[in-house]
Amino acid sequence: MEAALGMSYMGKRALVCMKHVGMNVCADAFMNAAITGVNGGLVVLAADDPSMHSSQNEQDSRFYAKFAMIPCLEPSNQQEAYDMMHYAFDLSEALKTPILMRVTTRMAHSRAVVELIDTPREQNTASAPEDVRHFILLPAFARKNYAELVEAQDDFVQTSEESKYNTYTKGSNPKRAILTTGIAYNYLMELKDESQQLKVDEASVLKVTQYPLPKALVDQMVADGAEEILVMEEGQPVVEELIRGMVPSTVAVKGRLTGELPRMGELSPDCVREALGLDKLPTREPDELVAPRPPALCQGCGHRDMYAALNEVAAEHEDARIFGDIGCYTLGALAPFNAIHACVEMGASITMAKGAADAGQHPAIAVIGDSTFTHSGMTGLLDCVNCKSNVVVLISDNLTTGMTGGQDSAGTGRLEAICQGLGVEPEHLRVVVPLPKHMEEIKQILREEIAYNGTSVIIARRECIQTLKRHLKAKK
């Protein structure tokens, strides 16, 4: 996020992508980018994960856009996602503000043919901002910038009201209205063929895919006689909460908060049909022979041997606590290892182990991957060293970023140097190769470092079995 802001500072366009919990990590720079404004267009693409298919929570990134007071785009289909990206950069440069584009799981895991724009646009030429004080957030300058951001809110709303991505269609029975956002619009459109039963065409429909909420269109829907508004949105009830303050109290606002739609998780064809008064689609019970298969560490994975040794040594202590982290090695929390006792967010293993150790826990062990360590574990290790906390940090180094495709890890070949640079004592920086033939050696090193009253680091290094296969194939 900071690199993208630096690119924008020089007049170039930049796109920064992450999932919803990544918004938490970049929030400091993101929020302040709304105050600095932009020079070159700056777009932040956040992918939310309602139903937590692969996430710790199902937070809604639209709150971040509202929090930062900047526009947000939420495409309802693949063509809009493509078109909106061009539009987002133009909008960012016209309004001199970052733009948040929010997608959700179904959009991110789907595909369609799109019509491309014929002429690729040229890059912006590099140019520093005319007033560098906009990018210096000393209070005297920041107060002025913030006042400009507040004054721009009406322009943001007007842009949303005039956007081709927000449309309002008055129905023949406007007493009933439906407000859809983003991909939820597709669920409604899928029911068009059943309009004789649902009478979708009789209801007024407001499609919102650009925020702030287009107040004029909401007012028009109410002026046309809306007595009931069903809010269909993927994620948390962001719009449902906002719209309650925009319509008269006589208008019934329904959705996730009132039970017409489930409070948690993704929308589905069934829950949308039920909210609109249709029967559920017929379903078939799963075959008894088809058993659920939870994810597991790959056969031959070095994490397996690491956990086998760790579990055996931890069992020698009455109340060992092992703090895990985010990566494919998080699967060590599941059977057959059941090896970790906490996993909260990236980098938390080391600092949670530190906090537990400072509270008197012994042994306090942190398990973290090589990629996660360089992402957000290094500062935690520095804290441990500075405080001489009684913690054992186990870096499971598979020489790659295994969970997200096998790209190079930022710390490959440098982990020992990084740990020494952070102040880990060389005699308590140990490297092992997690293989069954080394099991006794690994267990003995674990025992020795648990017995040491201070900060220890053990690097368990063996290449990811998936990237190893690819490397051997390429070599052959």
Protein backbone atom coordinates (compact mmCIF):
# COMPACT_ATOMS: atom_id res chain seq x y z
CA MET A 1 0.00 0.00 0.00
CA GLU A 2 2.82 2.38 0.86
CA ALA A 3 4.67 1.49 -2.36
CA ALA A 4 1.50 2.16 -4.35
CA LEU A 5 1.12 5.52 -2.62
CA GLY A 6 4.74 6.33 -3.51
CA MET A 7 4.00 5.42 -7.13
CA SER A 8 0.95 7.69 -7.05
CA TYR A 9 3.05 10.46 -5.50
CA MET A 10 5.16 10.40 -8.67
CA GLY A 11 2.10 10.72 -10.89
CA LYS A 12 1.97 7.07 -11.97
CA ARG A 13 -1.06 4.81 -11.63
CA ALA A 14 -0.92 1.95 -9.14
CA LEU A 15 -3.14 -0.98 -8.17
CA VAL A 16 -2.69 -2.77 -4.84
CA CYS A 17 -4.53 -6.06 -4.23
CA MET A 18 -5.30 -8.03 -1.08
CA LYS A 19 -8.01 -9.96 0.69
CA HIS A 20 -10.12 -8.42 3.42
CA VAL A 21 -7.76 -9.18 6.32
CA GLY A 22 -4.99 -7.57 4.29
CA MET A 23 -6.97 -4.34 4.65
CA ASN A 24 -6.29 -4.55 8.38
CA VAL A 25 -2.56 -4.78 7.73
CA CYS A 26 -2.46 -1.82 5.34
CA ALA A 27 -5.06 0.25 7.24
CA ASP A 28 -2.60 2.88 8.50
CA ALA A 29 -1.38 3.77 5.01
CA PHE A 30 -4.85 3.26 3.49
CA MET A 31 -6.64 5.61 5.89
CA ASN A 32 -3.98 8.29 5.59
CA ALA A 33 -3.93 8.01 1.78
CA ALA A 34 -7.48 9.37 1.92
CA ILE A 35 -6.05 12.43 3.70
CA THR A 36 -3.04 12.92 1.43
CA GLY A 37 -5.10 12.34 -1.69
CA VAL A 38 -3.41 11.06 -4.84
CA ASN A 39 -1.40 12.37 -7.76
CA GLY A 40 -1.52 9.38 -10.11
CA GLY A 41 -4.61 7.17 -9.91
CA LEU A 42 -4.59 4.76 -6.98
CA VAL A 43 -6.96 1.77 -6.75
CA VAL A 44 -7.15 -0.70 -3.87
CA LEU A 45 -8.74 -4.05 -4.74
CA ALA A 46 -9.99 -5.99 -1.70
CA ALA A 47 -11.49 -9.49 -1.96
CA ASP A 48 -13.90 -10.30 0.88
CA ASP A 49 -14.66 -13.84 2.00
CA PRO A 50 -18.19 -14.20 3.39
CA SER A 51 -18.70 -17.69 4.85
CA MET A 52 -14.96 -17.77 5.68
CA HIS A 53 -14.00 -20.30 3.01
CA SER A 54 -10.33 -19.58 3.72
CA SER A 55 -10.23 -16.77 6.26
CA GLN A 56 -10.33 -15.95 9.96
CA ASN A 57 -13.41 -13.73 9.68
CA GLU A 58 -15.93 -12.40 7.17
CA GLN A 59 -15.43 -8.66 7.64
CA ASP A 60 -16.78 -6.32 4.97
CA SER A 61 -14.28 -3.99 3.29
CA ARG A 62 -17.02 -1.49 2.42
CA PHE A 63 -16.72 -0.34 6.03
CA TYR A 64 -13.13 0.70 5.25
CA ALA A 65 -14.31 2.87 2.36
CA LYS A 66 -16.88 4.54 4.58
CA PHE A 67 -14.33 4.84 7.39
CA ALA A 68 -11.81 6.51 5.05
CA MET A 69 -14.60 8.56 3.40
CA ILE A 70 -13.63 7.54 -0.13
CA PRO A 71 -15.63 6.09 -3.05
CA CYS A 72 -16.06 2.33 -3.38
CA LEU A 73 -16.90 0.24 -6.44
CA GLU A 74 -18.49 -3.22 -6.23
CA PRO A 75 -18.92 -4.94 -9.61
CA SER A 76 -21.87 -7.23 -10.09
CA ASN A 77 -20.35 -9.26 -12.94
CA GLN A 78 -17.11 -9.88 -14.78
CA GLN A 79 -17.68 -7.27 -17.49
CA GLU A 80 -18.31 -4.64 -14.86
CA ALA A 81 -15.17 -5.73 -12.99
CA TYR A 82 -13.15 -5.15 -16.17
CA ASP A 83 -14.82 -1.87 -17.11
CA MET A 84 -14.79 -0.56 -13.56
CA MET A 85 -11.03 -0.90 -13.30
CA HIS A 86 -10.56 1.60 -16.13
CA TYR A 87 -13.26 3.79 -14.63
CA ALA A 88 -11.69 3.56 -11.17
CA PHE A 89 -8.37 5.04 -12.31
CA ASP A 90 -10.16 7.86 -14.14
CA LEU A 91 -12.33 8.50 -11.08
CA SER A 92 -9.32 8.47 -8.76
CA GLU A 93 -7.51 11.08 -10.83
CA ALA A 94 -10.62 13.22 -11.33
CA LEU A 95 -11.48 13.25 -7.62
CA LYS A 96 -7.83 13.16 -6.42
CA THR A 97 -8.62 10.31 -4.02
CA PRO A 98 -7.91 6.59 -3.71
CA ILE A 99 -10.70 4.27 -4.87
CA LEU A 100 -11.57 0.99 -3.15
CA MET A 101 -12.88 -1.80 -5.37
CA ARG A 102 -14.51 -4.62 -3.44
CA VAL A 103 -15.17 -8.12 -4.77
CA THR A 104 -16.38 -11.21 -2.96
CA THR A 105 -15.76 -14.95 -3.17
CA ARG A 106 -18.22 -15.76 -5.96
CA MET A 107 -16.83 -12.98 -8.16
CA ALA A 108 -13.23 -13.94 -7.46
CA HIS A 109 -13.91 -17.63 -8.20
CA SER A 110 -15.86 -17.18 -11.42
CA ARG A 111 -15.05 -16.30 -15.00
CA ALA A 112 -16.78 -15.04 -18.12
CA VAL A 113 -16.00 -13.73 -21.58
CA VAL A 114 -15.61 -9.96 -21.53
CA GLU A 115 -15.49 -7.34 -24.26
CA LEU A 116 -12.12 -5.61 -24.18
CA ILE A 117 -11.47 -1.93 -24.63
CA ASP A 118 -9.94 -1.51 -28.09
CA THR A 119 -7.19 0.99 -27.40
CA PRO A 120 -4.82 0.39 -24.49
CA ARG A 121 -4.17 3.60 -22.60
CA GLU A 122 -0.71 5.03 -22.30
CA GLN A 123 1.11 5.25 -19.00
CA ASN A 124 1.06 8.52 -17.13
CA THR A 125 4.29 10.47 -17.34
CA ALA A 126 6.10 10.80 -14.02
CA SER A 127 5.40 14.09 -12.26
CA ALA A 128 5.76 15.06 -8.61
CA PRO A 129 2.76 16.63 -6.85
CA GLU A 130 2.34 20.39 -7.23
CA ASP A 131 1.88 20.83 -3.47
CA VAL A 132 4.07 18.40 -1.52
CA ARG A 133 2.40 19.53 1.71
CA HIS A 134 -0.53 17.32 0.76
CA PHE A 135 1.74 14.36 1.45
CA ILE A 136 3.15 15.70 4.71
CA LEU A 137 0.70 14.81 7.44
CA LEU A 138 1.89 17.13 10.14
CA PRO A 139 -1.23 18.28 12.01
CA ALA A 140 -1.20 21.76 10.47
CA PHE A 141 -1.27 20.30 6.95
CA ALA A 142 -3.43 17.27 7.76
CA ARG A 143 -6.22 19.43 9.20
CA LYS A 144 -6.41 21.36 5.92
CA ASN A 145 -6.39 18.14 3.89
CA TYR A 146 -9.08 16.60 6.06
CA ALA A 147 -11.29 19.66 5.63
CA GLU A 148 -10.92 19.25 1.85
CA LEU A 149 -11.89 15.58 2.14
CA VAL A 150 -14.99 16.45 4.13
CA GLU A 151 -15.94 19.15 1.62
CA ALA A 152 -15.55 16.63 -1.21
CA GLN A 153 -18.18 14.26 0.23
CA ASP A 154 -21.03 15.94 -1.64
CA ASP A 155 -19.07 15.57 -4.88
CA PHE A 156 -18.52 11.88 -4.14
CA VAL A 157 -22.25 11.37 -3.56
CA GLN A 158 -23.14 13.29 -6.73
CA THR A 159 -20.67 11.20 -8.74
CA SER A 160 -22.34 8.09 -7.36
CA GLU A 161 -25.80 9.38 -8.19
CA GLU A 162 -24.74 10.11 -11.77
CA SER A 163 -22.79 6.87 -12.22
CA LYS A 164 -23.92 4.49 -14.95
CA TYR A 165 -23.16 1.70 -12.48
CA ASN A 166 -26.04 2.73 -10.21
CA THR A 167 -29.46 2.24 -11.79
CA TYR A 168 -33.01 2.59 -10.55
CA THR A 169 -36.01 0.98 -12.26
CA LYS A 170 -39.50 1.85 -11.05
CA GLY A 171 -41.79 -1.17 -10.90
CA SER A 172 -45.48 -1.39 -11.64
CA ASN A 173 -45.98 -2.03 -7.92
CA PRO A 174 -43.47 0.42 -6.39
CA LYS A 175 -44.73 -0.21 -2.85
CA ARG A 176 -42.36 -3.16 -2.88
CA ALA A 177 -38.73 -2.28 -3.59
CA ILE A 178 -35.51 -4.27 -3.78
CA LEU A 179 -32.08 -2.74 -3.25
CA THR A 180 -29.24 -4.93 -4.49
CA THR A 181 -25.50 -4.40 -4.33
CA GLY A 182 -22.66 -5.98 -6.25
CA ILE A 183 -23.00 -9.65 -7.08
CA ALA A 184 -26.31 -9.88 -5.19
CA TYR A 185 -27.87 -8.27 -8.28
CA ASN A 186 -27.16 -11.53 -10.16
CA TYR A 187 -29.22 -13.57 -7.72
CA LEU A 188 -32.17 -11.30 -8.42
CA MET A 189 -31.70 -11.44 -12.19
CA GLU A 190 -31.56 -15.25 -12.10
CA LEU A 191 -35.17 -15.19 -10.90
CA LYS A 192 -36.45 -13.09 -13.78
CA ASP A 193 -37.69 -16.20 -15.56
CA GLU A 194 -39.96 -16.90 -12.62
CA SER A 195 -41.44 -13.42 -12.56
CA GLN A 196 -44.95 -14.80 -13.04
CA GLN A 197 -44.68 -16.31 -9.53
CA LEU A 198 -42.37 -13.79 -7.91
CA LYS A 199 -43.57 -10.77 -9.83
CA VAL A 200 -40.03 -9.36 -9.75
CA ASP A 201 -40.89 -7.00 -12.58
CA GLU A 202 -43.57 -5.40 -10.40
CA ALA A 203 -41.09 -4.34 -7.72
CA SER A 204 -38.87 -1.30 -8.02
CA VAL A 205 -35.18 -2.25 -8.19
CA LEU A 206 -32.23 -0.09 -7.17
CA LYS A 207 -28.89 -1.57 -8.19
CA VAL A 208 -25.95 -0.08 -6.28
CA THR A 209 -22.41 -0.85 -7.41
CA GLN A 210 -20.80 2.51 -6.61
CA TYR A 211 -20.66 4.14 -3.19
CA PRO A 212 -21.33 6.41 -1.32
CA LEU A 213 -24.98 5.40 -1.50
CA PRO A 214 -26.74 7.39 -4.24
CA LYS A 215 -29.08 9.35 -1.99
CA ALA A 216 -31.08 10.86 -4.85
CA LEU A 217 -31.94 7.40 -6.19
CA VAL A 218 -32.96 6.20 -2.72
CA ASP A 219 -35.12 9.31 -2.33
CA GLN A 220 -36.69 8.62 -5.73
CA MET A 221 -37.51 5.06 -4.71
CA VAL A 222 -39.26 6.37 -1.58
CA ALA A 223 -41.02 9.15 -3.51
CA ASP A 224 -42.39 6.53 -5.90
CA GLY A 225 -44.18 4.96 -2.96
CA ALA A 226 -41.84 2.33 -1.53
CA GLU A 227 -43.33 0.98 1.70
CA GLU A 228 -40.96 -1.99 2.01
CA ILE A 229 -37.32 -2.22 0.90
CA LEU A 230 -35.54 -5.59 0.84
CA VAL A 231 -31.78 -5.05 0.93
CA MET A 232 -29.82 -7.83 -0.76
CA GLU A 233 -26.06 -7.43 -0.20
CA GLU A 234 -23.18 -9.87 -0.02
CA GLY A 235 -21.38 -9.55 3.30
CA GLN A 236 -22.39 -7.60 6.36
CA PRO A 237 -25.49 -5.36 6.51
CA VAL A 238 -23.62 -2.20 5.51
CA VAL A 239 -26.29 -0.73 3.25
CA GLU A 240 -29.13 -2.03 5.38
CA GLU A 241 -27.80 -0.02 8.34
CA LEU A 242 -27.08 3.09 6.27
CA ILE A 243 -30.43 3.18 4.52
CA ARG A 244 -32.36 3.18 7.78
CA GLY A 245 -31.09 6.71 8.33
CA MET A 246 -32.07 7.79 4.80
CA VAL A 247 -35.71 6.71 4.57
CA PRO A 248 -38.75 7.64 6.68
CA SER A 249 -39.53 5.41 9.64
CA THR A 250 -42.74 4.35 7.90
CA VAL A 251 -40.71 2.47 5.30
CA ALA A 252 -39.90 -1.08 6.41
CA VAL A 253 -36.25 -1.95 5.70
CA LYS A 254 -35.66 -5.70 5.57
CA GLY A 255 -32.63 -7.89 5.04
CA ARG A 256 -29.96 -9.53 7.15
CA LEU A 257 -30.75 -7.59 10.33
CA THR A 258 -34.43 -8.52 10.28
CA GLY A 259 -34.03 -12.19 9.39
CA GLU A 260 -35.28 -12.25 5.81
CA LEU A 261 -31.71 -13.10 4.82
CA PRO A 262 -29.18 -14.96 7.01
CA ARG A 263 -27.07 -12.79 9.30
CA MET A 264 -23.88 -14.66 8.42
CA GLY A 265 -22.30 -16.15 5.33
CA GLU A 266 -22.73 -15.83 1.62
CA LEU A 267 -26.00 -15.29 -0.14
CA SER A 268 -27.27 -18.36 -1.96
CA PRO A 269 -29.99 -19.02 -4.51
CA ASP A 270 -32.05 -20.71 -1.79
CA CYS A 271 -31.90 -17.93 0.81
CA VAL A 272 -32.64 -15.28 -1.83
CA ARG A 273 -35.61 -17.27 -3.14
CA GLU A 274 -36.95 -17.60 0.38
CA ALA A 275 -36.56 -13.87 1.08
CA LEU A 276 -38.48 -13.13 -2.12
CA GLY A 277 -41.27 -15.56 -1.32
CA LEU A 278 -40.30 -18.46 -3.56
CA ASP A 279 -40.01 -22.11 -2.59
CA LYS A 280 -36.54 -23.58 -2.29
CA LEU A 281 -35.14 -25.47 -5.24
CA PRO A 282 -35.27 -29.27 -4.96
CA THR A 283 -32.11 -30.71 -3.45
CA ARG A 284 -30.57 -34.15 -3.28
CA GLU A 285 -29.03 -35.60 -0.16
CA PRO A 286 -25.33 -36.39 -0.58
CA ASP A 287 -24.45 -39.99 -1.29
CA GLU A 288 -23.54 -41.88 1.86
CA LEU A 289 -20.40 -43.12 0.13
CA VAL A 290 -19.15 -39.56 -0.35
CA ALA A 291 -17.34 -38.62 2.87
CA PRO A 292 -16.18 -35.09 3.69
CA ARG A 293 -12.46 -34.68 3.22
CA PRO A 294 -10.89 -31.84 5.22
CA PRO A 295 -7.63 -30.33 3.92
CA ALA A 296 -4.42 -31.91 5.14
CA LEU A 297 -0.69 -31.36 4.87
CA CYS A 298 0.73 -32.97 1.72
CA GLN A 299 2.30 -36.39 2.01
CA GLY A 300 6.04 -35.82 2.18
CA CYS A 301 5.68 -32.29 3.58
CA GLY A 302 8.47 -31.20 5.92
CA HIS A 303 5.92 -29.61 8.25
CA ARG A 304 4.70 -33.13 9.09
CA ASP A 305 8.07 -34.25 10.49
CA MET A 306 8.48 -30.94 12.28
CA TYR A 307 5.11 -31.36 14.02
CA ALA A 308 5.82 -35.01 14.85
CA ALA A 309 8.98 -34.03 16.72
CA LEU A 310 7.37 -31.00 18.34
CA ASN A 311 4.39 -32.98 19.61
CA GLU A 312 6.60 -35.60 21.17
CA VAL A 313 8.74 -33.04 23.03
CA ALA A 314 5.73 -30.91 24.03
CA ALA A 315 4.13 -34.01 25.59
CA GLU A 316 7.05 -34.16 28.02
CA HIS A 317 5.75 -30.98 29.65
CA GLU A 318 2.57 -30.73 31.67
CA ASP A 319 1.17 -27.66 29.93
CA ALA A 320 3.16 -26.72 26.83
CA ARG A 321 1.53 -24.05 24.66
CA ILE A 322 2.21 -23.83 20.93
CA PHE A 323 1.16 -20.68 19.10
CA GLY A 324 0.58 -21.08 15.36
CA ASP A 325 0.37 -18.69 12.46
CA ILE A 326 -1.08 -18.25 8.97
CA GLY A 327 0.25 -20.58 6.28
CA CYS A 328 -0.19 -24.12 4.98
CA TYR A 329 1.41 -25.29 8.25
CA THR A 330 -1.74 -24.03 10.03
CA LEU A 331 -3.18 -27.41 9.04
CA GLY A 332 -1.10 -28.75 11.93
CA ALA A 333 -4.04 -27.66 14.09
CA LEU A 334 -6.09 -30.51 12.59
CA ALA A 335 -5.84 -34.27 12.97
CA PRO A 336 -3.65 -36.20 13.13
CA PHE A 337 -1.30 -33.61 14.68
CA ASN A 338 -3.60 -31.32 16.70
CA ALA A 339 -0.35 -29.50 17.38
CA ILE A 340 -1.18 -25.81 17.87
CA HIS A 341 -3.27 -24.01 20.43
CA ALA A 342 -3.80 -20.60 18.80
CA CYS A 343 -3.82 -19.08 15.32
CA VAL A 344 -5.16 -15.54 15.04
CA GLU A 345 -3.46 -13.55 12.27
CA MET A 346 -0.21 -13.25 10.35
CA GLY A 347 2.71 -12.72 12.70
CA ALA A 348 0.74 -13.36 15.90
CA SER A 349 2.49 -16.59 16.81
CA ILE A 350 5.72 -14.99 18.03
CA THR A 351 4.15 -12.06 19.84
CA MET A 352 1.41 -14.19 21.41
CA ALA A 353 4.07 -16.63 22.61
CA LYS A 354 5.97 -13.64 24.02
CA GLY A 355 2.89 -12.40 25.86
CA ALA A 356 2.18 -15.87 27.22
CA ALA A 357 5.80 -16.26 28.34
CA ASP A 358 5.74 -12.84 30.00
CA ALA A 359 2.62 -14.02 31.82
CA GLY A 360 4.53 -17.02 33.17
CA GLN A 361 3.77 -19.72 30.60
CA HIS A 362 6.54 -22.26 30.03
CA PRO A 363 7.22 -23.60 27.56
CA ALA A 364 5.88 -20.99 25.13
CA ILE A 365 6.59 -22.07 21.55
CA ALA A 366 5.83 -20.16 18.35
CA VAL A 367 5.50 -21.92 14.99
CA ILE A 368 5.78 -19.66 11.94
CA GLY A 369 6.59 -20.19 8.26
CA ASP A 370 9.46 -18.57 6.42
CA SER A 371 7.19 -16.33 4.33
CA THR A 372 5.03 -15.27 7.26
CA PHE A 373 8.15 -14.58 9.31
CA THR A 374 9.42 -12.06 6.76
CA HIS A 375 5.89 -10.69 6.28
CA SER A 376 5.16 -9.83 9.89
CA GLY A 377 7.13 -11.99 12.29
CA MET A 378 10.44 -10.15 12.39
CA THR A 379 9.26 -7.30 14.63
CA GLY A 380 7.83 -9.82 17.10
CA LEU A 381 11.16 -11.62 17.27
CA LEU A 382 12.92 -8.29 17.87
CA ASP A 383 10.56 -7.68 20.80
CA CYS A 384 11.41 -11.10 22.22
CA VAL A 385 15.14 -10.42 21.93
CA ASN A 386 14.89 -6.96 23.46
CA CYS A 387 12.86 -8.25 26.41
CA LYS A 388 14.83 -11.51 26.73
CA SER A 389 11.51 -13.33 26.68
CA ASN A 390 11.59 -17.07 27.37
CA VAL A 391 10.29 -18.15 23.96
CA VAL A 392 11.23 -20.80 21.43
CA VAL A 393 10.53 -19.67 17.86
CA LEU A 394 10.29 -22.52 15.35
CA ILE A 395 10.54 -21.25 11.76
CA SER A 396 9.28 -23.98 9.44
CA ASP A 397 11.16 -23.06 6.27
CA ASN A 398 9.90 -24.79 3.14
CA LEU A 399 11.87 -22.40 0.88
CA THR A 400 8.76 -21.05 -0.81
CA THR A 401 5.39 -19.38 -0.29
CA GLY A 402 3.53 -22.66 -0.41
CA MET A 403 -0.01 -21.60 0.47
CA THR A 404 -0.43 -19.10 -2.38
CA GLY A 405 1.19 -20.75 -5.36
CA GLY A 406 4.81 -21.53 -4.67
CA GLN A 407 6.38 -18.15 -5.45
CA ASP A 408 9.75 -17.30 -3.90
CA SER A 409 9.79 -16.49 -0.21
CA ALA A 410 11.19 -13.07 0.67
CA GLY A 411 13.63 -14.51 3.18
CA THR A 412 14.94 -17.55 1.30
CA GLY A 413 18.63 -17.97 1.98
CA ARG A 414 18.69 -15.14 4.49
CA LEU A 415 16.78 -16.33 7.54
CA GLU A 416 19.88 -16.96 9.66
CA ALA A 417 21.30 -13.54 8.81
CA ILE A 418 17.96 -11.87 9.59
CA CYS A 419 17.67 -13.58 12.97
CA GLN A 420 21.27 -12.72 13.89
CA GLY A 421 20.69 -9.15 12.78
CA LEU A 422 17.69 -8.98 15.10
CA GLY A 423 19.94 -10.04 17.98
CA VAL A 424 19.33 -13.77 18.39
CA GLU A 425 22.39 -15.28 20.07
CA PRO A 426 24.26 -17.46 17.54
CA GLU A 427 24.46 -20.42 19.93
CA HIS A 428 20.65 -20.37 20.21
CA LEU A 429 20.03 -20.13 16.47
CA ARG A 430 19.78 -23.74 15.30
CA VAL A 431 19.05 -25.24 11.87
CA VAL A 432 17.59 -28.73 11.39
CA VAL A 433 16.36 -30.79 8.44
CA PRO A 434 12.92 -32.27 9.23
CA LEU A 435 13.26 -35.86 8.04
CA PRO A 436 12.46 -39.06 9.96
CA LYS A 437 16.18 -39.99 10.09
CA HIS A 438 16.91 -36.74 11.96
CA MET A 439 14.05 -37.09 14.45
CA GLU A 440 16.19 -37.75 17.52
CA GLU A 441 18.48 -34.80 16.74
CA ILE A 442 15.51 -32.46 16.28
CA LYS A 443 13.89 -33.57 19.53
CA GLN A 444 17.14 -33.07 21.45
CA ILE A 445 17.59 -29.55 20.05
CA LEU A 446 13.99 -28.71 21.00
CA ARG A 447 14.62 -29.91 24.56
CA GLU A 448 17.81 -27.87 24.84
CA GLU A 449 16.20 -24.64 23.62
CA ILE A 450 13.11 -25.09 25.79
CA ALA A 451 15.45 -25.42 28.77
CA TYR A 452 17.25 -22.18 27.84
CA ASN A 453 15.88 -19.13 29.68
CA GLY A 454 15.76 -16.68 26.78
CA THR A 455 14.83 -16.34 23.13
CA SER A 456 15.75 -19.25 20.84
CA VAL A 457 15.16 -19.77 17.13
CA ILE A 458 15.08 -23.19 15.45
CA ILE A 459 14.88 -23.20 11.65
CA ALA A 460 13.42 -26.46 10.28
CA ARG A 461 14.35 -26.31 6.61
CA ARG A 462 13.18 -28.64 3.85
CA GLU A 463 11.80 -27.65 0.46
CA CYS A 464 8.04 -27.80 -0.13
CA ILE A 465 7.21 -31.15 -1.74
CA GLN A 466 5.14 -29.41 -4.43
CA THR A 467 7.84 -27.01 -5.58
CA LEU A 468 10.44 -29.76 -5.31
CA LYS A 469 8.46 -31.87 -7.79
CA ARG A 470 8.27 -28.92 -10.18
CA HIS A 471 11.98 -28.16 -9.84
CA LEU A 472 12.97 -31.79 -10.42
CA LYS A 473 10.70 -31.99 -13.46
CA ALA A 474 12.17 -28.78 -14.91
CA LYS A 475 15.69 -30.02 -14.24
CA LYS A 476 14.93 -33.32 -15.95
